[in-house]
Amino acid sequence: MQQITNEEKIQTHLKQLKKQQKQAEELQKEYDFSIPFYVVSEMLKENENVISLINMAQISNRISKENADILKERLK
């Protein structure tokens, strides 16, 4: 049985974060408005709770209603 060292775990995690950041940047380029990173992150994971996060971003004035509607439409 092979043991994974802490350094290997960190490197794997860093690679995943870099990949996610690149995907987030590509997704953000599709829109003419800023999307909170936590929403982009969940959109990339195709999390079922992403609509709730979009609604929370709208309520907290991180995104407008119009932009929230655009994102929700994309998820249909």
N, C-alpha and C. Protein backbone atom coordinates (compact mmCIF):
# COMPACT_ATOMS: atom_id res chain seq x y z
N MET A 1 0.85 -1.18 0.00
CA MET A 1 0.00 0.00 0.00
C MET A 1 0.90 1.25 0.00
N GLN A 2 0.62 2.14 -0.91
CA GLN A 2 1.44 3.35 -1.04
C GLN A 2 0.88 4.47 -0.18
N GLN A 3 1.78 5.11 0.57
CA GLN A 3 1.37 6.25 1.39
C GLN A 3 1.63 7.54 0.63
N ILE A 4 0.70 8.45 0.73
CA ILE A 4 0.85 9.75 0.10
C ILE A 4 1.39 10.71 1.16
N THR A 5 2.46 11.39 0.82
CA THR A 5 3.05 12.33 1.77
C THR A 5 2.25 13.63 1.79
N ASN A 6 2.45 14.40 2.83
CA ASN A 6 1.78 15.70 2.92
C ASN A 6 2.14 16.59 1.74
N GLU A 7 3.40 16.55 1.33
CA GLU A 7 3.85 17.36 0.19
C GLU A 7 3.09 16.97 -1.08
N GLU A 8 2.89 15.68 -1.29
CA GLU A 8 2.14 15.22 -2.47
C GLU A 8 0.69 15.68 -2.40
N LYS A 9 0.11 15.63 -1.21
CA LYS A 9 -1.27 16.09 -1.03
C LYS A 9 -1.38 17.59 -1.35
N ILE A 10 -0.41 18.34 -0.86
CA ILE A 10 -0.42 19.79 -1.11
C ILE A 10 -0.27 20.08 -2.60
N GLN A 11 0.65 19.38 -3.26
CA GLN A 11 0.86 19.59 -4.70
C GLN A 11 -0.39 19.22 -5.50
N THR A 12 -1.03 18.14 -5.13
CA THR A 12 -2.27 17.74 -5.81
C THR A 12 -3.35 18.79 -5.62
N HIS A 13 -3.47 19.27 -4.40
CA HIS A 13 -4.47 20.30 -4.11
C HIS A 13 -4.18 21.59 -4.87
N LEU A 14 -2.92 21.98 -4.95
CA LEU A 14 -2.53 23.19 -5.69
C LEU A 14 -2.85 23.05 -7.18
N LYS A 15 -2.62 21.89 -7.74
CA LYS A 15 -2.94 21.64 -9.15
C LYS A 15 -4.45 21.78 -9.38
N GLN A 16 -5.23 21.23 -8.47
CA GLN A 16 -6.68 21.32 -8.58
C GLN A 16 -7.14 22.78 -8.49
N LEU A 17 -6.55 23.53 -7.56
CA LEU A 17 -6.91 24.94 -7.41
C LEU A 17 -6.56 25.75 -8.65
N LYS A 18 -5.39 25.49 -9.23
CA LYS A 18 -4.99 26.20 -10.45
C LYS A 18 -5.92 25.88 -11.60
N LYS A 19 -6.31 24.62 -11.72
CA LYS A 19 -7.24 24.21 -12.78
C LYS A 19 -8.59 24.90 -12.58
N GLN A 20 -9.06 24.93 -11.35
CA GLN A 20 -10.33 25.57 -11.05
C GLN A 20 -10.26 27.07 -11.32
N GLN A 21 -9.15 27.70 -10.99
CA GLN A 21 -8.98 29.13 -11.23
C GLN A 21 -9.02 29.43 -12.72
N LYS A 22 -8.36 28.60 -13.52
CA LYS A 22 -8.37 28.78 -14.97
C LYS A 22 -9.78 28.63 -15.53
N GLN A 23 -10.50 27.62 -15.07
CA GLN A 23 -11.88 27.41 -15.51
C GLN A 23 -12.75 28.59 -15.09
N ALA A 24 -12.53 29.10 -13.89
CA ALA A 24 -13.30 30.25 -13.40
C ALA A 24 -13.05 31.47 -14.27
N GLU A 25 -11.81 31.69 -14.65
CA GLU A 25 -11.47 32.83 -15.50
C GLU A 25 -12.14 32.69 -16.87
N GLU A 26 -12.16 31.48 -17.41
CA GLU A 26 -12.80 31.25 -18.70
C GLU A 26 -14.31 31.49 -18.62
N LEU A 27 -14.91 31.02 -17.54
CA LEU A 27 -16.34 31.23 -17.34
C LEU A 27 -16.65 32.72 -17.18
N GLN A 28 -15.84 33.41 -16.40
CA GLN A 28 -16.05 34.84 -16.16
C GLN A 28 -15.96 35.63 -17.47
N LYS A 29 -15.10 35.22 -18.40
CA LYS A 29 -14.95 35.91 -19.68
C LYS A 29 -16.22 35.86 -20.53
N GLU A 30 -17.08 34.89 -20.26
CA GLU A 30 -18.32 34.73 -21.02
C GLU A 30 -19.34 35.83 -20.69
N TYR A 31 -19.15 36.52 -19.59
CA TYR A 31 -20.13 37.49 -19.11
C TYR A 31 -19.53 38.88 -19.03
N ASP A 32 -20.38 39.89 -19.17
CA ASP A 32 -19.94 41.28 -19.09
C ASP A 32 -20.07 41.83 -17.68
N PHE A 33 -20.14 40.96 -16.70
CA PHE A 33 -20.28 41.39 -15.32
C PHE A 33 -19.48 40.45 -14.43
N SER A 34 -19.19 40.92 -13.24
CA SER A 34 -18.40 40.14 -12.29
C SER A 34 -19.30 39.15 -11.54
N ILE A 35 -18.81 37.93 -11.44
CA ILE A 35 -19.53 36.88 -10.71
C ILE A 35 -18.70 36.55 -9.47
N PRO A 36 -19.32 36.56 -8.28
CA PRO A 36 -18.56 36.20 -7.08
C PRO A 36 -17.91 34.82 -7.24
N PHE A 37 -16.67 34.69 -6.78
CA PHE A 37 -15.93 33.45 -6.98
C PHE A 37 -16.65 32.24 -6.41
N TYR A 38 -17.31 32.40 -5.25
CA TYR A 38 -17.99 31.24 -4.66
C TYR A 38 -19.12 30.75 -5.55
N VAL A 39 -19.73 31.64 -6.33
CA VAL A 39 -20.77 31.23 -7.27
C VAL A 39 -20.13 30.51 -8.46
N VAL A 40 -19.06 31.09 -8.99
CA VAL A 40 -18.35 30.46 -10.11
C VAL A 40 -17.87 29.07 -9.71
N SER A 41 -17.32 28.97 -8.53
CA SER A 41 -16.81 27.69 -8.04
C SER A 41 -17.90 26.62 -8.04
N GLU A 42 -19.07 26.98 -7.54
CA GLU A 42 -20.16 26.01 -7.48
C GLU A 42 -20.74 25.74 -8.87
N MET A 43 -20.72 26.73 -9.75
CA MET A 43 -21.18 26.50 -11.13
C MET A 43 -20.28 25.47 -11.80
N LEU A 44 -18.99 25.56 -11.57
CA LEU A 44 -18.06 24.62 -12.17
C LEU A 44 -18.25 23.20 -11.63
N LYS A 45 -18.65 23.10 -10.39
CA LYS A 45 -18.88 21.79 -9.78
C LYS A 45 -20.26 21.25 -10.16
N GLU A 46 -21.08 22.10 -10.77
CA GLU A 46 -22.47 21.77 -11.10
C GLU A 46 -23.22 21.35 -9.84
N ASN A 47 -22.98 22.10 -8.79
CA ASN A 47 -23.61 21.85 -7.49
C ASN A 47 -25.09 22.21 -7.57
N GLU A 48 -25.91 21.39 -6.98
CA GLU A 48 -27.35 21.63 -7.01
C GLU A 48 -27.76 22.86 -6.19
N ASN A 49 -26.87 23.33 -5.32
CA ASN A 49 -27.17 24.49 -4.48
C ASN A 49 -26.74 25.80 -5.12
N VAL A 50 -26.28 25.78 -6.35
CA VAL A 50 -25.76 26.99 -6.98
C VAL A 50 -26.85 28.05 -7.13
N ILE A 51 -28.08 27.67 -7.38
CA ILE A 51 -29.17 28.64 -7.49
C ILE A 51 -29.33 29.39 -6.16
N SER A 52 -29.24 28.68 -5.06
CA SER A 52 -29.33 29.32 -3.75
C SER A 52 -28.18 30.30 -3.55
N LEU A 53 -26.99 29.93 -4.00
CA LEU A 53 -25.84 30.84 -3.87
C LEU A 53 -26.01 32.07 -4.74
N ILE A 54 -26.56 31.89 -5.92
CA ILE A 54 -26.83 33.05 -6.79
C ILE A 54 -27.84 33.96 -6.11
N ASN A 55 -28.88 33.39 -5.53
CA ASN A 55 -29.88 34.19 -4.81
C ASN A 55 -29.24 34.93 -3.64
N MET A 56 -28.35 34.26 -2.91
CA MET A 56 -27.69 34.91 -1.78
C MET A 56 -26.78 36.04 -2.26
N ALA A 57 -26.11 35.84 -3.38
CA ALA A 57 -25.26 36.90 -3.94
C ALA A 57 -26.11 38.10 -4.33
N GLN A 58 -27.28 37.83 -4.86
CA GLN A 58 -28.19 38.92 -5.25
C GLN A 58 -28.67 39.67 -4.00
N ILE A 59 -29.08 38.94 -2.99
CA ILE A 59 -29.58 39.56 -1.76
C ILE A 59 -28.51 40.42 -1.10
N SER A 60 -27.27 39.96 -1.16
CA SER A 60 -26.18 40.71 -0.52
C SER A 60 -25.56 41.76 -1.46
N ASN A 61 -26.26 42.02 -2.55
CA ASN A 61 -25.84 43.04 -3.53
C ASN A 61 -24.46 42.77 -4.14
N ARG A 62 -24.10 41.51 -4.26
CA ARG A 62 -22.85 41.14 -4.94
C ARG A 62 -23.09 40.97 -6.43
N ILE A 63 -24.38 40.82 -6.80
CA ILE A 63 -24.77 40.64 -8.20
C ILE A 63 -26.18 41.20 -8.36
N SER A 64 -26.46 41.78 -9.52
CA SER A 64 -27.78 42.37 -9.74
C SER A 64 -28.81 41.29 -10.06
N LYS A 65 -30.09 41.65 -9.95
CA LYS A 65 -31.15 40.71 -10.28
C LYS A 65 -31.05 40.28 -11.73
N GLU A 66 -30.77 41.22 -12.61
CA GLU A 66 -30.67 40.91 -14.04
C GLU A 66 -29.54 39.91 -14.30
N ASN A 67 -28.39 40.14 -13.68
CA ASN A 67 -27.27 39.23 -13.86
C ASN A 67 -27.53 37.87 -13.21
N ALA A 68 -28.21 37.88 -12.09
CA ALA A 68 -28.58 36.62 -11.44
C ALA A 68 -29.48 35.81 -12.35
N ASP A 69 -30.42 36.49 -13.00
CA ASP A 69 -31.32 35.81 -13.93
C ASP A 69 -30.56 35.21 -15.11
N ILE A 70 -29.56 35.93 -15.59
CA ILE A 70 -28.73 35.42 -16.70
C ILE A 70 -28.02 34.13 -16.28
N LEU A 71 -27.45 34.14 -15.10
CA LEU A 71 -26.75 32.94 -14.62
C LEU A 71 -27.71 31.77 -14.41
N LYS A 72 -28.87 32.05 -13.85
CA LYS A 72 -29.85 30.98 -13.62
C LYS A 72 -30.31 30.39 -14.95
N GLU A 73 -30.48 31.23 -15.95
CA GLU A 73 -30.90 30.75 -17.27
C GLU A 73 -29.86 29.80 -17.85
N ARG A 74 -28.61 30.11 -17.64
CA ARG A 74 -27.52 29.25 -18.14
C ARG A 74 -27.59 27.86 -17.51
N LEU A 75 -28.03 27.78 -16.29
CA LEU A 75 -28.04 26.53 -15.56
C LEU A 75 -29.22 25.62 -15.90
N LYS A 76 -30.16 26.14 -16.65
CA LYS A 76 -31.34 25.32 -16.99
C LYS A 76 -30.99 24.26 -18.00
